[in-house]
Amino acid sequence: SQLVRAATSVGANYAEANDAESPRDFRHKIGICRKEARECKHWLTMLAAAVPARRDEMRPLWQEAKELNLIFGAALRTLDRKHREA
């Protein structure tokens, strides 16, 4: 259930970020997306360890969570860089 909450939170917070009321609010929501994607990686790792027979099913989901984490991290770095330049 924790994995489901983290995974659905990524999408919900991304939708919230797209409707952000300010650049600060947008950055905050993207930061939450990144944290939730990282949490998904954690839970998928735990599930793969707990149920080795389903490890192959977890691998592409873990990879997707990793890629989302990297995307949101890059977005945050870009936002921070633009903020420093302003």
C-alpha atoms as a PDB file:
ATOM      1  CA  SER A   1       0.000   0.000   0.000  1.00  0.00           C
ATOM      2  CA  GLN A   2       2.927   2.328   0.653  1.00  0.00           C
ATOM      3  CA  LEU A   3       4.206   1.798  -2.896  1.00  0.00           C
ATOM      4  CA  VAL A   4       0.778   2.582  -4.332  1.00  0.00           C
ATOM      5  CA  ARG A   5       0.569   5.788  -2.285  1.00  0.00           C
ATOM      6  CA  ALA A   6       4.034   6.935  -3.369  1.00  0.00           C
ATOM      7  CA  ALA A   7       3.470   6.039  -7.023  1.00  0.00           C
ATOM      8  CA  THR A   8       0.111   7.776  -7.264  1.00  0.00           C
ATOM      9  CA  SER A   9       1.512  10.778  -5.419  1.00  0.00           C
ATOM     10  CA  VAL A  10       4.039  11.338  -8.204  1.00  0.00           C
ATOM     11  CA  GLY A  11       1.304  11.812 -10.787  1.00  0.00           C
ATOM     12  CA  ALA A  12      -0.951  13.817  -8.489  1.00  0.00           C
ATOM     13  CA  ASN A  13       1.830  16.216  -7.522  1.00  0.00           C
ATOM     14  CA  TYR A  14       2.926  16.590 -11.129  1.00  0.00           C
ATOM     15  CA  ALA A  15      -0.639  17.595 -12.024  1.00  0.00           C
ATOM     16  CA  GLU A  16      -0.560  20.046  -9.105  1.00  0.00           C
ATOM     17  CA  ALA A  17       2.776  21.441 -10.317  1.00  0.00           C
ATOM     18  CA  ASN A  18       1.283  22.131 -13.739  1.00  0.00           C
ATOM     19  CA  ASP A  19      -1.391  24.242 -12.037  1.00  0.00           C
ATOM     20  CA  ALA A  20       1.006  25.894  -9.594  1.00  0.00           C
ATOM     21  CA  GLU A  21       0.100  29.337  -8.342  1.00  0.00           C
ATOM     22  CA  SER A  22       3.683  30.600  -8.365  1.00  0.00           C
ATOM     23  CA  PRO A  23       7.192  29.559  -9.393  1.00  0.00           C
ATOM     24  CA  ARG A  24       7.902  28.739  -5.741  1.00  0.00           C
ATOM     25  CA  ASP A  25       4.807  26.509  -5.565  1.00  0.00           C
ATOM     26  CA  PHE A  26       5.860  24.796  -8.820  1.00  0.00           C
ATOM     27  CA  ARG A  27       9.333  24.081  -7.439  1.00  0.00           C
ATOM     28  CA  HIS A  28       7.859  22.723  -4.223  1.00  0.00           C
ATOM     29  CA  LYS A  29       5.517  20.325  -6.075  1.00  0.00           C
ATOM     30  CA  ILE A  30       8.311  19.109  -8.373  1.00  0.00           C
ATOM     31  CA  GLY A  31      10.421  18.488  -5.278  1.00  0.00           C
ATOM     32  CA  ILE A  32       7.646  16.327  -3.855  1.00  0.00           C
ATOM     33  CA  CYS A  33       7.468  14.425  -7.152  1.00  0.00           C
ATOM     34  CA  ARG A  34      11.170  13.679  -6.883  1.00  0.00           C
ATOM     35  CA  LYS A  35      10.882  12.499  -3.284  1.00  0.00           C
ATOM     36  CA  GLU A  36       7.941  10.231  -4.096  1.00  0.00           C
ATOM     37  CA  ALA A  37       9.745   8.741  -7.113  1.00  0.00           C
ATOM     38  CA  ARG A  38      12.723   8.015  -4.863  1.00  0.00           C
ATOM     39  CA  GLU A  39      10.375   6.400  -2.337  1.00  0.00           C
ATOM     40  CA  CYS A  40       8.941   4.200  -5.117  1.00  0.00           C
ATOM     41  CA  LYS A  41      12.461   2.977  -5.875  1.00  0.00           C
ATOM     42  CA  HIS A  42      12.895   2.098  -2.213  1.00  0.00           C
ATOM     43  CA  TRP A  43       9.656   0.125  -1.975  1.00  0.00           C
ATOM     44  CA  LEU A  44      10.293  -1.683  -5.245  1.00  0.00           C
ATOM     45  CA  THR A  45      13.719  -2.692  -3.957  1.00  0.00           C
ATOM     46  CA  MET A  46      12.129  -3.961  -0.735  1.00  0.00           C
ATOM     47  CA  LEU A  47       9.464  -5.894  -2.654  1.00  0.00           C
ATOM     48  CA  ALA A  48      12.049  -7.467  -4.945  1.00  0.00           C
ATOM     49  CA  ALA A  49      14.030  -8.593  -1.889  1.00  0.00           C
ATOM     50  CA  ALA A  50      10.933  -9.910  -0.145  1.00  0.00           C
ATOM     51  CA  VAL A  51       9.539 -11.737  -3.182  1.00  0.00           C
ATOM     52  CA  PRO A  52      12.527 -12.805  -5.327  1.00  0.00           C
ATOM     53  CA  ALA A  53      10.289 -14.716  -7.749  1.00  0.00           C
ATOM     54  CA  ARG A  54       8.805 -11.382  -8.873  1.00  0.00           C
ATOM     55  CA  ARG A  55      12.085  -9.471  -9.099  1.00  0.00           C
ATOM     56  CA  ASP A  56      11.954  -9.387 -12.913  1.00  0.00           C
ATOM     57  CA  GLU A  57       8.561  -7.674 -12.720  1.00  0.00           C
ATOM     58  CA  MET A  58       9.957  -5.025 -10.386  1.00  0.00           C
ATOM     59  CA  ARG A  59      12.995  -4.162 -12.517  1.00  0.00           C
ATOM     60  CA  PRO A  60      11.246  -2.069 -15.233  1.00  0.00           C
ATOM     61  CA  LEU A  61       9.113  -0.326 -12.603  1.00  0.00           C
ATOM     62  CA  TRP A  62      12.237   0.513 -10.606  1.00  0.00           C
ATOM     63  CA  GLN A  63      13.889   1.815 -13.793  1.00  0.00           C
ATOM     64  CA  GLU A  64      10.877   4.026 -14.500  1.00  0.00           C
ATOM     65  CA  ALA A  65      10.979   5.425 -10.968  1.00  0.00           C
ATOM     66  CA  LYS A  66      14.714   6.064 -11.378  1.00  0.00           C
ATOM     67  CA  GLU A  67      14.167   7.919 -14.651  1.00  0.00           C
ATOM     68  CA  LEU A  68      11.406  10.038 -13.118  1.00  0.00           C
ATOM     69  CA  ASN A  69      13.665  10.831 -10.181  1.00  0.00           C
ATOM     70  CA  LEU A  70      16.392  11.955 -12.589  1.00  0.00           C
ATOM     71  CA  ILE A  71      13.954  14.042 -14.648  1.00  0.00           C
ATOM     72  CA  PHE A  72      12.573  15.821 -11.600  1.00  0.00           C
ATOM     73  CA  GLY A  73      16.095  16.333 -10.265  1.00  0.00           C
ATOM     74  CA  ALA A  74      17.140  17.943 -13.553  1.00  0.00           C
ATOM     75  CA  ALA A  75      14.058  20.158 -13.468  1.00  0.00           C
ATOM     76  CA  LEU A  76      14.929  21.297  -9.944  1.00  0.00           C
ATOM     77  CA  ARG A  77      18.523  22.080 -10.937  1.00  0.00           C
ATOM     78  CA  THR A  78      17.273  24.097 -13.911  1.00  0.00           C
ATOM     79  CA  LEU A  79      14.828  26.018 -11.718  1.00  0.00           C
ATOM     80  CA  ASP A  80      17.539  26.720  -9.155  1.00  0.00           C
ATOM     81  CA  ARG A  81      19.950  27.901 -11.851  1.00  0.00           C
ATOM     82  CA  LYS A  82      17.331  30.242 -13.339  1.00  0.00           C
ATOM     83  CA  HIS A  83      16.546  31.575  -9.871  1.00  0.00           C
ATOM     84  CA  ARG A  84      20.223  32.357  -9.230  1.00  0.00           C
ATOM     85  CA  GLU A  85      20.541  34.123 -12.596  1.00  0.00           C
ATOM     86  CA  ALA A  86      17.476  36.302 -11.990  1.00  0.00           C
END
